[in-house]
């Protein structure tokens, strides 16, 4: 992830390029718990601090919401993809079929592997 709680990041610290680095995005949650607090990755507010609700990784591929919670993944309820905001402010609708290596590289702000991509 490009940002973490209590770790100040400046734009110049994103050396892979602002348009090649995820800033934030939609998260995978359990469909069974849309209206409840049964998914521990979907049960707190945005001001809860460092919690499963606020963090996701690019280690696993993104996934459309399913019946099983997986609070490590990005994803959404959309059938074909999910929205990701890049560090330059652009918002891109990204297909679930994104190459896992590209997904991982977009999740790193300074891996010295800047990547050109199109969602």
PDB file of N, CA and C in Angstrom:
ATOM      1  N   UNK A   1       0.839  -1.175   0.000  1.00  0.00           N
ATOM      2  CA  UNK A   1       0.000   0.000   0.000  1.00  0.00           C
ATOM      3  C   UNK A   1       0.884   1.239   0.000  1.00  0.00           C
ATOM      4  N   UNK A   2       0.439   2.269  -0.680  1.00  0.00           N
ATOM      5  CA  UNK A   2       1.242   3.479  -0.690  1.00  0.00           C
ATOM      6  C   UNK A   2       1.227   4.236   0.628  1.00  0.00           C
ATOM      7  N   UNK A   3       0.197   4.078   1.442  1.00  0.00           N
ATOM      8  CA  UNK A   3       0.087   4.854   2.674  1.00  0.00           C
ATOM      9  C   UNK A   3      -0.262   3.944   3.839  1.00  0.00           C
ATOM     10  N   UNK A   4       0.236   4.297   5.002  1.00  0.00           N
ATOM     11  CA  UNK A   4      -0.105   3.577   6.224  1.00  0.00           C
ATOM     12  C   UNK A   4      -0.320   4.593   7.322  1.00  0.00           C
ATOM     13  N   UNK A   5      -1.085   4.185   8.325  1.00  0.00           N
ATOM     14  CA  UNK A   5      -1.364   5.079   9.441  1.00  0.00           C
ATOM     15  C   UNK A   5      -0.057   5.492  10.110  1.00  0.00           C
ATOM     16  N   UNK A   6       0.021   6.768  10.448  1.00  0.00           N
ATOM     17  CA  UNK A   6       1.165   7.365  11.144  1.00  0.00           C
ATOM     18  C   UNK A   6       2.479   7.287  10.360  1.00  0.00           C
ATOM     19  N   UNK A   7       2.389   7.120   9.060  1.00  0.00           N
ATOM     20  CA  UNK A   7       3.578   7.123   8.217  1.00  0.00           C
ATOM     21  C   UNK A   7       3.374   8.180   7.141  1.00  0.00           C
ATOM     22  N   UNK A   8       3.913   9.372   7.370  1.00  0.00           N
ATOM     23  CA  UNK A   8       3.689  10.433   6.381  1.00  0.00           C
ATOM     24  C   UNK A   8       4.377  10.103   5.054  1.00  0.00           C
ATOM     25  N   UNK A   9       3.625  10.222   3.995  1.00  0.00           N
ATOM     26  CA  UNK A   9       4.131   9.990   2.646  1.00  0.00           C
ATOM     27  C   UNK A   9       3.924  11.269   1.852  1.00  0.00           C
ATOM     28  N   UNK A  10       4.990  11.740   1.236  1.00  0.00           N
ATOM     29  CA  UNK A  10       4.908  12.912   0.372  1.00  0.00           C
ATOM     30  C   UNK A  10       4.824  12.454  -1.077  1.00  0.00           C
ATOM     31  N   UNK A  11       4.336  13.310  -1.926  1.00  0.00           N
ATOM     32  CA  UNK A  11       4.215  12.947  -3.338  1.00  0.00           C
ATOM     33  C   UNK A  11       5.566  12.525  -3.902  1.00  0.00           C
ATOM     34  N   UNK A  12       6.628  13.156  -3.492  1.00  0.00           N
ATOM     35  CA  UNK A  12       7.955  12.812  -4.016  1.00  0.00           C
ATOM     36  C   UNK A  12       8.415  11.426  -3.566  1.00  0.00           C
ATOM     37  N   UNK A  13       7.766  10.864  -2.530  1.00  0.00           N
ATOM     38  CA  UNK A  13       8.103   9.514  -2.066  1.00  0.00           C
ATOM     39  C   UNK A  13       7.513   8.429  -2.965  1.00  0.00           C
ATOM     40  N   UNK A  14       6.620   8.802  -3.853  1.00  0.00           N
ATOM     41  CA  UNK A  14       5.986   7.840  -4.756  1.00  0.00           C
ATOM     42  C   UNK A  14       6.812   7.831  -6.040  1.00  0.00           C
ATOM     43  N   UNK A  15       7.919   7.134  -5.993  1.00  0.00           N
ATOM     44  CA  UNK A  15       8.898   7.190  -7.074  1.00  0.00           C
ATOM     45  C   UNK A  15       8.516   6.365  -8.298  1.00  0.00           C
ATOM     46  N   UNK A  16       7.520   5.520  -8.192  1.00  0.00           N
ATOM     47  CA  UNK A  16       7.057   4.762  -9.355  1.00  0.00           C
ATOM     48  C   UNK A  16       6.115   5.584 -10.233  1.00  0.00           C
ATOM     49  N   UNK A  17       5.760   6.771  -9.775  1.00  0.00           N
ATOM     50  CA  UNK A  17       4.887   7.653 -10.540  1.00  0.00           C
ATOM     51  C   UNK A  17       3.487   7.694  -9.972  1.00  0.00           C
ATOM     52  N   UNK A  18       2.935   8.891  -9.865  1.00  0.00           N
ATOM     53  CA  UNK A  18       1.608   9.072  -9.280  1.00  0.00           C
ATOM     54  C   UNK A  18       0.515   8.370 -10.081  1.00  0.00           C
ATOM     55  N   UNK A  19       0.685   8.274 -11.391  1.00  0.00           N
ATOM     56  CA  UNK A  19      -0.331   7.630 -12.226  1.00  0.00           C
ATOM     57  C   UNK A  19      -0.121   6.116 -12.329  1.00  0.00           C
ATOM     58  N   UNK A  20       0.885   5.609 -11.641  1.00  0.00           N
ATOM     59  CA  UNK A  20       1.189   4.178 -11.652  1.00  0.00           C
ATOM     60  C   UNK A  20       1.167   3.576 -10.261  1.00  0.00           C
ATOM     61  N   UNK A  21       0.486   4.240  -9.329  1.00  0.00           N
ATOM     62  CA  UNK A  21       0.466   3.776  -7.937  1.00  0.00           C
ATOM     63  C   UNK A  21      -0.947   3.905  -7.374  1.00  0.00           C
ATOM     64  N   UNK A  22      -1.462   2.794  -6.857  1.00  0.00           N
ATOM     65  CA  UNK A  22      -2.764   2.839  -6.188  1.00  0.00           C
ATOM     66  C   UNK A  22      -2.694   3.722  -4.952  1.00  0.00           C
ATOM     67  N   UNK A  23      -3.732   4.492  -4.727  1.00  0.00           N
ATOM     68  CA  UNK A  23      -3.867   5.264  -3.497  1.00  0.00           C
ATOM     69  C   UNK A  23      -4.914   4.609  -2.598  1.00  0.00           C
ATOM     70  N   UNK A  24      -6.075   4.310  -3.163  1.00  0.00           N
ATOM     71  CA  UNK A  24      -7.127   3.626  -2.419  1.00  0.00           C
ATOM     72  C   UNK A  24      -8.086   3.000  -3.411  1.00  0.00           C
ATOM     73  N   UNK A  25      -8.933   2.110  -2.917  1.00  0.00           N
ATOM     74  CA  UNK A  25      -9.861   1.460  -3.825  1.00  0.00           C
ATOM     75  C   UNK A  25     -10.972   0.719  -3.118  1.00  0.00           C
ATOM     76  N   UNK A  26     -11.863   0.184  -3.932  1.00  0.00           N
ATOM     77  CA  UNK A  26     -12.978  -0.591  -3.394  1.00  0.00           C
ATOM     78  C   UNK A  26     -12.459  -1.902  -2.818  1.00  0.00           C
ATOM     79  N   UNK A  27     -13.180  -2.395  -1.807  1.00  0.00           N
ATOM     80  CA  UNK A  27     -12.721  -3.599  -1.123  1.00  0.00           C
ATOM     81  C   UNK A  27     -13.703  -4.744  -1.301  1.00  0.00           C
ATOM     82  N   UNK A  28     -13.166  -5.940  -1.276  1.00  0.00           N
ATOM     83  CA  UNK A  28     -13.992  -7.149  -1.301  1.00  0.00           C
ATOM     84  C   UNK A  28     -14.622  -7.333   0.071  1.00  0.00           C
ATOM     85  N   UNK A  29     -15.927  -7.605   0.098  1.00  0.00           N
ATOM     86  CA  UNK A  29     -16.628  -7.903   1.352  1.00  0.00           C
ATOM     87  C   UNK A  29     -17.586  -9.069   1.112  1.00  0.00           C
ATOM     88  N   UNK A  30     -18.065  -9.636   2.178  1.00  0.00           N
ATOM     89  CA  UNK A  30     -19.016 -10.736   2.094  1.00  0.00           C
ATOM     90  C   UNK A  30     -20.405 -10.209   1.756  1.00  0.00           C
ATOM     91  N   UNK A  31     -21.015 -10.767   0.717  1.00  0.00           N
ATOM     92  CA  UNK A  31     -22.384 -10.381   0.349  1.00  0.00           C
ATOM     93  C   UNK A  31     -23.370 -10.732   1.452  1.00  0.00           C
ATOM     94  N   UNK A  32     -23.068 -11.749   2.224  1.00  0.00           N
ATOM     95  CA  UNK A  32     -23.975 -12.190   3.279  1.00  0.00           C
ATOM     96  C   UNK A  32     -24.090 -11.171   4.404  1.00  0.00           C
ATOM     97  N   UNK A  33     -23.141 -10.232   4.458  1.00  0.00           N
ATOM     98  CA  UNK A  33     -23.108  -9.296   5.575  1.00  0.00           C
ATOM     99  C   UNK A  33     -23.191  -7.832   5.143  1.00  0.00           C
ATOM    100  N   UNK A  34     -23.755  -7.568   3.971  1.00  0.00           N
ATOM    101  CA  UNK A  34     -23.901  -6.179   3.533  1.00  0.00           C
ATOM    102  C   UNK A  34     -24.639  -5.327   4.561  1.00  0.00           C
ATOM    103  N   UNK A  35     -25.660  -5.849   5.162  1.00  0.00           N
ATOM    104  CA  UNK A  35     -26.465  -5.070   6.100  1.00  0.00           C
ATOM    105  C   UNK A  35     -26.207  -5.383   7.557  1.00  0.00           C
ATOM    106  N   UNK A  36     -25.156  -6.141   7.828  1.00  0.00           N
ATOM    107  CA  UNK A  36     -24.858  -6.531   9.208  1.00  0.00           C
ATOM    108  C   UNK A  36     -23.403  -6.201   9.539  1.00  0.00           C
ATOM    109  N   UNK A  37     -22.965  -6.628  10.687  1.00  0.00           N
ATOM    110  CA  UNK A  37     -21.570  -6.459  11.082  1.00  0.00           C
ATOM    111  C   UNK A  37     -20.854  -7.807  11.152  1.00  0.00           C
ATOM    112  N   UNK A  38     -21.300  -8.776  10.355  1.00  0.00           N
ATOM    113  CA  UNK A  38     -20.751 -10.115  10.411  1.00  0.00           C
ATOM    114  C   UNK A  38     -19.428 -10.301   9.691  1.00  0.00           C
ATOM    115  N   UNK A  39     -19.027  -9.370   8.852  1.00  0.00           N
ATOM    116  CA  UNK A  39     -17.756  -9.449   8.131  1.00  0.00           C
ATOM    117  C   UNK A  39     -16.775  -8.536   8.862  1.00  0.00           C
ATOM    118  N   UNK A  40     -15.739  -9.099   9.475  1.00  0.00           N
ATOM    119  CA  UNK A  40     -14.820  -8.274  10.269  1.00  0.00           C
ATOM    120  C   UNK A  40     -13.982  -7.328   9.417  1.00  0.00           C
ATOM    121  N   UNK A  41     -14.105  -7.399   8.113  1.00  0.00           N
ATOM    122  CA  UNK A  41     -13.483  -6.424   7.231  1.00  0.00           C
ATOM    123  C   UNK A  41     -14.469  -5.371   6.764  1.00  0.00           C
ATOM    124  N   UNK A  42     -15.648  -5.354   7.401  1.00  0.00           N
ATOM    125  CA  UNK A  42     -16.716  -4.442   6.974  1.00  0.00           C
ATOM    126  C   UNK A  42     -17.610  -4.108   8.165  1.00  0.00           C
ATOM    127  N   UNK A  43     -16.991  -3.852   9.321  1.00  0.00           N
ATOM    128  CA  UNK A  43     -17.799  -3.646  10.533  1.00  0.00           C
ATOM    129  C   UNK A  43     -17.396  -2.418  11.349  1.00  0.00           C
ATOM    130  N   UNK A  44     -16.501  -1.589  10.852  1.00  0.00           N
ATOM    131  CA  UNK A  44     -16.047  -0.411  11.590  1.00  0.00           C
ATOM    132  C   UNK A  44     -16.174   0.831  10.713  1.00  0.00           C
ATOM    133  N   UNK A  45     -16.069   1.986  11.343  1.00  0.00           N
ATOM    134  CA  UNK A  45     -16.141   3.241  10.593  1.00  0.00           C
ATOM    135  C   UNK A  45     -14.768   3.614  10.053  1.00  0.00           C
ATOM    136  N   UNK A  46     -14.741   4.626   9.221  1.00  0.00           N
ATOM    137  CA  UNK A  46     -13.492   5.093   8.627  1.00  0.00           C
ATOM    138  C   UNK A  46     -12.531   5.687   9.666  1.00  0.00           C
ATOM    139  N   UNK A  47     -13.043   6.044  10.821  1.00  0.00           N
ATOM    140  CA  UNK A  47     -12.193   6.648  11.854  1.00  0.00           C
ATOM    141  C   UNK A  47     -11.757   5.634  12.920  1.00  0.00           C
ATOM    142  N   UNK A  48     -11.852   4.360  12.604  1.00  0.00           N
ATOM    143  CA  UNK A  48     -11.530   3.329  13.599  1.00  0.00           C
ATOM    144  C   UNK A  48     -10.033   3.079  13.751  1.00  0.00           C
ATOM    145  N   UNK A  49      -9.212   3.661  12.907  1.00  0.00           N
ATOM    146  CA  UNK A  49      -7.769   3.457  13.031  1.00  0.00           C
ATOM    147  C   UNK A  49      -7.301   2.309  12.173  1.00  0.00           C
ATOM    148  N   UNK A  50      -6.251   1.645  12.596  1.00  0.00           N
ATOM    149  CA  UNK A  50      -5.661   0.545  11.848  1.00  0.00           C
ATOM    150  C   UNK A  50      -6.519  -0.698  12.059  1.00  0.00           C
ATOM    151  N   UNK A  51      -7.365  -1.007  11.086  1.00  0.00           N
ATOM    152  CA  UNK A  51      -8.331  -2.089  11.236  1.00  0.00           C
ATOM    153  C   UNK A  51      -8.532  -2.765   9.886  1.00  0.00           C
ATOM    154  N   UNK A  52      -8.998  -3.999   9.877  1.00  0.00           N
ATOM    155  CA  UNK A  52      -9.270  -4.748   8.649  1.00  0.00           C
ATOM    156  C   UNK A  52     -10.196  -3.978   7.710  1.00  0.00           C
ATOM    157  N   UNK A  53     -11.025  -3.113   8.241  1.00  0.00           N
ATOM    158  CA  UNK A  53     -11.939  -2.347   7.395  1.00  0.00           C
ATOM    159  C   UNK A  53     -11.209  -1.359   6.492  1.00  0.00           C
ATOM    160  N   UNK A  54     -10.038  -0.950   6.891  1.00  0.00           N
ATOM    161  CA  UNK A  54      -9.348   0.136   6.207  1.00  0.00           C
ATOM    162  C   UNK A  54      -8.119  -0.287   5.425  1.00  0.00           C
ATOM    163  N   UNK A  55      -7.740  -1.539   5.482  1.00  0.00           N
ATOM    164  CA  UNK A  55      -6.521  -1.975   4.802  1.00  0.00           C
ATOM    165  C   UNK A  55      -6.816  -3.109   3.838  1.00  0.00           C
ATOM    166  N   UNK A  56      -6.125  -3.111   2.735  1.00  0.00           N
ATOM    167  CA  UNK A  56      -6.164  -4.199   1.762  1.00  0.00           C
ATOM    168  C   UNK A  56      -4.765  -4.301   1.169  1.00  0.00           C
ATOM    169  N   UNK A  57      -4.462  -5.444   0.568  1.00  0.00           N
ATOM    170  CA  UNK A  57      -3.156  -5.674  -0.024  1.00  0.00           C
ATOM    171  C   UNK A  57      -3.328  -6.075  -1.479  1.00  0.00           C
ATOM    172  N   UNK A  58      -2.236  -6.028  -2.214  1.00  0.00           N
ATOM    173  CA  UNK A  58      -2.263  -6.453  -3.609  1.00  0.00           C
ATOM    174  C   UNK A  58      -1.585  -7.809  -3.788  1.00  0.00           C
ATOM    175  N   UNK A  59      -1.386  -8.526  -2.711  1.00  0.00           N
ATOM    176  CA  UNK A  59      -0.772  -9.855  -2.781  1.00  0.00           C
ATOM    177  C   UNK A  59      -1.712 -10.838  -3.474  1.00  0.00           C
ATOM    178  N   UNK A  60      -2.997 -10.769  -3.154  1.00  0.00           N
ATOM    179  CA  UNK A  60      -3.997 -11.636  -3.774  1.00  0.00           C
ATOM    180  C   UNK A  60      -4.698 -10.885  -4.891  1.00  0.00           C
ATOM    181  N   UNK A  61      -5.175 -11.611  -5.901  1.00  0.00           N
ATOM    182  CA  UNK A  61      -5.912 -10.926  -6.969  1.00  0.00           C
ATOM    183  C   UNK A  61      -7.228 -10.356  -6.456  1.00  0.00           C
ATOM    184  N   UNK A  62      -7.723  -9.304  -7.102  1.00  0.00           N
ATOM    185  CA  UNK A  62      -9.026  -8.741  -6.708  1.00  0.00           C
ATOM    186  C   UNK A  62     -10.133  -9.749  -6.976  1.00  0.00           C
ATOM    187  N   UNK A  63     -11.252  -9.562  -6.275  1.00  0.00           N
ATOM    188  CA  UNK A  63     -12.336 -10.532  -6.361  1.00  0.00           C
ATOM    189  C   UNK A  63     -13.678  -9.845  -6.193  1.00  0.00           C
ATOM    190  N   UNK A  64     -14.649 -10.262  -7.007  1.00  0.00           N
ATOM    191  CA  UNK A  64     -16.012  -9.754  -6.817  1.00  0.00           C
ATOM    192  C   UNK A  64     -16.505 -10.235  -5.458  1.00  0.00           C
ATOM    193  N   UNK A  65     -17.319  -9.402  -4.811  1.00  0.00           N
ATOM    194  CA  UNK A  65     -17.892  -9.789  -3.520  1.00  0.00           C
ATOM    195  C   UNK A  65     -18.490 -11.187  -3.620  1.00  0.00           C
ATOM    196  N   UNK A  66     -18.274 -11.977  -2.582  1.00  0.00           N
ATOM    197  CA  UNK A  66     -18.759 -13.355  -2.548  1.00  0.00           C
ATOM    198  C   UNK A  66     -19.355 -13.628  -1.177  1.00  0.00           C
ATOM    199  N   UNK A  67     -19.749 -14.847  -0.927  1.00  0.00           N
ATOM    200  CA  UNK A  67     -20.305 -15.190   0.378  1.00  0.00           C
ATOM    201  C   UNK A  67     -19.237 -15.355   1.453  1.00  0.00           C
ATOM    202  N   UNK A  68     -17.998 -15.522   1.039  1.00  0.00           N
ATOM    203  CA  UNK A  68     -16.901 -15.707   1.991  1.00  0.00           C
ATOM    204  C   UNK A  68     -16.141 -14.394   2.190  1.00  0.00           C
ATOM    205  N   UNK A  69     -15.988 -13.924   3.420  1.00  0.00           N
ATOM    206  CA  UNK A  69     -15.195 -12.714   3.642  1.00  0.00           C
ATOM    207  C   UNK A  69     -13.719 -12.975   3.370  1.00  0.00           C
ATOM    208  N   UNK A  70     -13.064 -12.028   2.760  1.00  0.00           N
ATOM    209  CA  UNK A  70     -11.614 -12.083   2.565  1.00  0.00           C
ATOM    210  C   UNK A  70     -11.091 -10.659   2.682  1.00  0.00           C
ATOM    211  N   UNK A  71     -10.826 -10.208   3.905  1.00  0.00           N
ATOM    212  CA  UNK A  71     -10.473  -8.810   4.135  1.00  0.00           C
ATOM    213  C   UNK A  71      -9.081  -8.410   3.655  1.00  0.00           C
ATOM    214  N   UNK A  72      -8.415  -9.271   2.916  1.00  0.00           N
ATOM    215  CA  UNK A  72      -7.116  -8.908   2.370  1.00  0.00           C
ATOM    216  C   UNK A  72      -7.223  -8.388   0.940  1.00  0.00           C
ATOM    217  N   UNK A  73      -8.351  -8.611   0.286  1.00  0.00           N
ATOM    218  CA  UNK A  73      -8.482  -8.332  -1.149  1.00  0.00           C
ATOM    219  C   UNK A  73      -9.200  -7.020  -1.464  1.00  0.00           C
ATOM    220  N   UNK A  74      -8.814  -6.466  -2.594  1.00  0.00           N
ATOM    221  CA  UNK A  74      -9.614  -5.423  -3.219  1.00  0.00           C
ATOM    222  C   UNK A  74     -10.719  -6.115  -4.006  1.00  0.00           C
ATOM    223  N   UNK A  75     -11.787  -5.405  -4.290  1.00  0.00           N
ATOM    224  CA  UNK A  75     -12.893  -5.957  -5.064  1.00  0.00           C
ATOM    225  C   UNK A  75     -14.113  -5.081  -4.905  1.00  0.00           C
ATOM    226  N   UNK A  76     -15.258  -5.581  -5.352  1.00  0.00           N
ATOM    227  CA  UNK A  76     -16.496  -4.815  -5.242  1.00  0.00           C
ATOM    228  C   UNK A  76     -17.677  -5.701  -5.571  1.00  0.00           C
ATOM    229  N   UNK A  77     -18.856  -5.117  -5.503  1.00  0.00           N
ATOM    230  CA  UNK A  77     -20.073  -5.822  -5.890  1.00  0.00           C
ATOM    231  C   UNK A  77     -20.274  -5.809  -7.402  1.00  0.00           C
ATOM    232  N   UNK A  78     -19.568  -4.952  -8.116  1.00  0.00           N
ATOM    233  CA  UNK A  78     -19.698  -4.866  -9.573  1.00  0.00           C
ATOM    234  C   UNK A  78     -19.308  -6.204 -10.211  1.00  0.00           C
ATOM    235  N   UNK A  79     -20.029  -6.659 -11.229  1.00  0.00           N
ATOM    236  CA  UNK A  79     -19.747  -7.969 -11.814  1.00  0.00           C
ATOM    237  C   UNK A  79     -18.451  -8.048 -12.623  1.00  0.00           C
ATOM    238  N   UNK A  80     -17.948  -6.924 -13.146  1.00  0.00           N
ATOM    239  CA  UNK A  80     -16.783  -7.020 -14.032  1.00  0.00           C
ATOM    240  C   UNK A  80     -15.514  -6.372 -13.499  1.00  0.00           C
ATOM    241  N   UNK A  81     -15.595  -5.638 -12.395  1.00  0.00           N
ATOM    242  CA  UNK A  81     -14.382  -5.002 -11.899  1.00  0.00           C
ATOM    243  C   UNK A  81     -14.643  -4.134 -10.686  1.00  0.00           C
ATOM    244  N   UNK A  82     -13.676  -3.298 -10.366  1.00  0.00           N
ATOM    245  CA  UNK A  82     -13.698  -2.484  -9.155  1.00  0.00           C
ATOM    246  C   UNK A  82     -13.019  -1.147  -9.450  1.00  0.00           C
ATOM    247  N   UNK A  83     -13.320  -0.132  -8.656  1.00  0.00           N
ATOM    248  CA  UNK A  83     -12.718   1.188  -8.840  1.00  0.00           C
ATOM    249  C   UNK A  83     -11.468   1.325  -7.974  1.00  0.00           C
ATOM    250  N   UNK A  84     -10.441   1.904  -8.572  1.00  0.00           N
ATOM    251  CA  UNK A  84      -9.213   2.211  -7.839  1.00  0.00           C
ATOM    252  C   UNK A  84      -8.865   3.669  -8.114  1.00  0.00           C
ATOM    253  N   UNK A  85      -8.473   4.363  -7.068  1.00  0.00           N
ATOM    254  CA  UNK A  85      -7.989   5.733  -7.213  1.00  0.00           C
ATOM    255  C   UNK A  85      -6.469   5.675  -7.214  1.00  0.00           C
ATOM    256  N   UNK A  86      -5.888   6.367  -8.165  1.00  0.00           N
ATOM    257  CA  UNK A  86      -4.433   6.420  -8.253  1.00  0.00           C
ATOM    258  C   UNK A  86      -3.923   7.639  -7.504  1.00  0.00           C
ATOM    259  N   UNK A  87      -2.650   7.653  -7.227  1.00  0.00           N
ATOM    260  CA  UNK A  87      -2.063   8.739  -6.445  1.00  0.00           C
ATOM    261  C   UNK A  87      -2.148  10.084  -7.161  1.00  0.00           C
ATOM    262  N   UNK A  88      -2.377  10.095  -8.474  1.00  0.00           N
ATOM    263  CA  UNK A  88      -2.528  11.360  -9.196  1.00  0.00           C
ATOM    264  C   UNK A  88      -3.965  11.880  -9.157  1.00  0.00           C
ATOM    265  N   UNK A  89      -4.875  11.123  -8.506  1.00  0.00           N
ATOM    266  CA  UNK A  89      -6.267  11.532  -8.376  1.00  0.00           C
ATOM    267  C   UNK A  89      -7.196  10.891  -9.381  1.00  0.00           C
ATOM    268  N   UNK A  90      -6.666  10.230 -10.387  1.00  0.00           N
ATOM    269  CA  UNK A  90      -7.508   9.556 -11.371  1.00  0.00           C
ATOM    270  C   UNK A  90      -8.197   8.354 -10.733  1.00  0.00           C
ATOM    271  N   UNK A  91      -9.418   8.096 -11.162  1.00  0.00           N
ATOM    272  CA  UNK A  91     -10.158   6.920 -10.709  1.00  0.00           C
ATOM    273  C   UNK A  91     -10.353   6.022 -11.917  1.00  0.00           C
ATOM    274  N   UNK A  92      -9.953   4.770 -11.786  1.00  0.00           N
ATOM    275  CA  UNK A  92     -10.019   3.824 -12.901  1.00  0.00           C
ATOM    276  C   UNK A  92     -10.879   2.632 -12.510  1.00  0.00           C
ATOM    277  N   UNK A  93     -11.775   2.241 -13.416  1.00  0.00           N
ATOM    278  CA  UNK A  93     -12.516   1.000 -13.242  1.00  0.00           C
ATOM    279  C   UNK A  93     -11.608  -0.105 -13.769  1.00  0.00           C
ATOM    280  N   UNK A  94     -11.246  -1.031 -12.908  1.00  0.00           N
ATOM    281  CA  UNK A  94     -10.249  -2.047 -13.205  1.00  0.00           C
ATOM    282  C   UNK A  94     -10.899  -3.425 -13.252  1.00  0.00           C
ATOM    283  N   UNK A  95     -10.591  -4.186 -14.283  1.00  0.00           N
ATOM    284  CA  UNK A  95     -11.152  -5.515 -14.478  1.00  0.00           C
ATOM    285  C   UNK A  95     -10.571  -6.494 -13.457  1.00  0.00           C
ATOM    286  N   UNK A  96     -11.394  -7.429 -12.985  1.00  0.00           N
ATOM    287  CA  UNK A  96     -10.908  -8.457 -12.055  1.00  0.00           C
ATOM    288  C   UNK A  96      -9.820  -9.319 -12.675  1.00  0.00           C
ATOM    289  N   UNK A  97      -9.750  -9.333 -13.983  1.00  0.00           N
ATOM    290  CA  UNK A  97      -8.765 -10.157 -14.681  1.00  0.00           C
ATOM    291  C   UNK A  97      -7.400  -9.476 -14.801  1.00  0.00           C
ATOM    292  N   UNK A  98      -7.189  -8.366 -14.094  1.00  0.00           N
ATOM    293  CA  UNK A  98      -5.905  -7.690 -14.155  1.00  0.00           C
ATOM    294  C   UNK A  98      -4.789  -8.680 -13.820  1.00  0.00           C
ATOM    295  N   UNK A  99      -3.712  -8.610 -14.550  1.00  0.00           N
ATOM    296  CA  UNK A  99      -2.557  -9.474 -14.295  1.00  0.00           C
ATOM    297  C   UNK A  99      -2.096  -9.277 -12.851  1.00  0.00           C
ATOM    298  N   UNK A 100      -1.892 -10.356 -12.126  1.00  0.00           N
ATOM    299  CA  UNK A 100      -1.554 -10.252 -10.708  1.00  0.00           C
ATOM    300  C   UNK A 100      -0.246  -9.500 -10.503  1.00  0.00           C
ATOM    301  N   UNK A 101       0.719  -9.657 -11.393  1.00  0.00           N
ATOM    302  CA  UNK A 101       1.986  -8.938 -11.236  1.00  0.00           C
ATOM    303  C   UNK A 101       1.784  -7.436 -11.422  1.00  0.00           C
ATOM    304  N   UNK A 102       0.946  -7.046 -12.371  1.00  0.00           N
ATOM    305  CA  UNK A 102       0.634  -5.628 -12.575  1.00  0.00           C
ATOM    306  C   UNK A 102      -0.086  -5.091 -11.338  1.00  0.00           C
ATOM    307  N   UNK A 103      -1.045  -5.855 -10.827  1.00  0.00           N
ATOM    308  CA  UNK A 103      -1.783  -5.457  -9.615  1.00  0.00           C
ATOM    309  C   UNK A 103      -0.816  -5.237  -8.448  1.00  0.00           C
ATOM    310  N   UNK A 104       0.122  -6.133  -8.279  1.00  0.00           N
ATOM    311  CA  UNK A 104       1.104  -6.014  -7.188  1.00  0.00           C
ATOM    312  C   UNK A 104       1.988  -4.782  -7.362  1.00  0.00           C
ATOM    313  N   UNK A 105       2.430  -4.540  -8.586  1.00  0.00           N
ATOM    314  CA  UNK A 105       3.300  -3.390  -8.828  1.00  0.00           C
ATOM    315  C   UNK A 105       2.557  -2.076  -8.620  1.00  0.00           C
ATOM    316  N   UNK A 106       1.287  -2.019  -8.987  1.00  0.00           N
ATOM    317  CA  UNK A 106       0.501  -0.809  -8.761  1.00  0.00           C
ATOM    318  C   UNK A 106       0.285  -0.562  -7.271  1.00  0.00           C
ATOM    319  N   UNK A 107       0.387  -1.600  -6.468  1.00  0.00           N
ATOM    320  CA  UNK A 107       0.239  -1.475  -5.018  1.00  0.00           C
ATOM    321  C   UNK A 107       1.504  -1.066  -4.312  1.00  0.00           C
ATOM    322  N   UNK A 108       2.587  -0.888  -5.032  1.00  0.00           N
ATOM    323  CA  UNK A 108       3.856  -0.459  -4.433  1.00  0.00           C
ATOM    324  C   UNK A 108       4.215   0.926  -4.956  1.00  0.00           C
ATOM    325  N   UNK A 109       4.598   1.805  -4.077  1.00  0.00           N
ATOM    326  CA  UNK A 109       4.904   3.176  -4.495  1.00  0.00           C
ATOM    327  C   UNK A 109       6.367   3.372  -4.881  1.00  0.00           C
ATOM    328  N   UNK A 110       7.229   2.417  -4.518  1.00  0.00           N
ATOM    329  CA  UNK A 110       8.666   2.644  -4.742  1.00  0.00           C
ATOM    330  C   UNK A 110       9.434   1.340  -4.956  1.00  0.00           C
ATOM    331  N   UNK A 111       8.905   0.459  -5.780  1.00  0.00           N
ATOM    332  CA  UNK A 111       9.600  -0.807  -6.029  1.00  0.00           C
ATOM    333  C   UNK A 111      10.581  -0.724  -7.199  1.00  0.00           C
ATOM    334  N   UNK A 112      10.777   0.472  -7.750  1.00  0.00           N
ATOM    335  CA  UNK A 112      11.686   0.705  -8.879  1.00  0.00           C
ATOM    336  C   UNK A 112      11.242  -0.056 -10.130  1.00  0.00           C
ATOM    337  N   UNK A 113       9.945  -0.387 -10.184  1.00  0.00           N
ATOM    338  CA  UNK A 113       9.393  -1.079 -11.342  1.00  0.00           C
ATOM    339  C   UNK A 113       8.155  -0.336 -11.823  1.00  0.00           C
ATOM    340  N   UNK A 114       8.289   0.931 -12.191  1.00  0.00           N
ATOM    341  CA  UNK A 114       7.105   1.641 -12.660  1.00  0.00           C
ATOM    342  C   UNK A 114       6.517   0.914 -13.863  1.00  0.00           C
ATOM    343  N   UNK A 115       5.210   0.931 -13.964  1.00  0.00           N
ATOM    344  CA  UNK A 115       4.534   0.167 -14.982  1.00  0.00           C
ATOM    345  C   UNK A 115       3.489   1.025 -15.676  1.00  0.00           C
ATOM    346  N   UNK A 116       3.444   0.928 -16.976  1.00  0.00           N
ATOM    347  CA  UNK A 116       2.376   1.573 -17.730  1.00  0.00           C
ATOM    348  C   UNK A 116       1.257   0.544 -17.861  1.00  0.00           C
ATOM    349  N   UNK A 117       0.037   0.959 -17.631  1.00  0.00           N
ATOM    350  CA  UNK A 117      -1.070   0.015 -17.669  1.00  0.00           C
ATOM    351  C   UNK A 117      -2.332   0.703 -18.123  1.00  0.00           C
ATOM    352  N   UNK A 118      -3.278  -0.092 -18.532  1.00  0.00           N
ATOM    353  CA  UNK A 118      -4.613   0.420 -18.804  1.00  0.00           C
ATOM    354  C   UNK A 118      -5.585  -0.604 -18.236  1.00  0.00           C
ATOM    355  N   UNK A 119      -6.554  -0.132 -17.463  1.00  0.00           N
ATOM    356  CA  UNK A 119      -7.457  -1.053 -16.776  1.00  0.00           C
ATOM    357  C   UNK A 119      -8.285  -1.881 -17.682  1.00  0.00           C
TER     358      UNK A 119
END
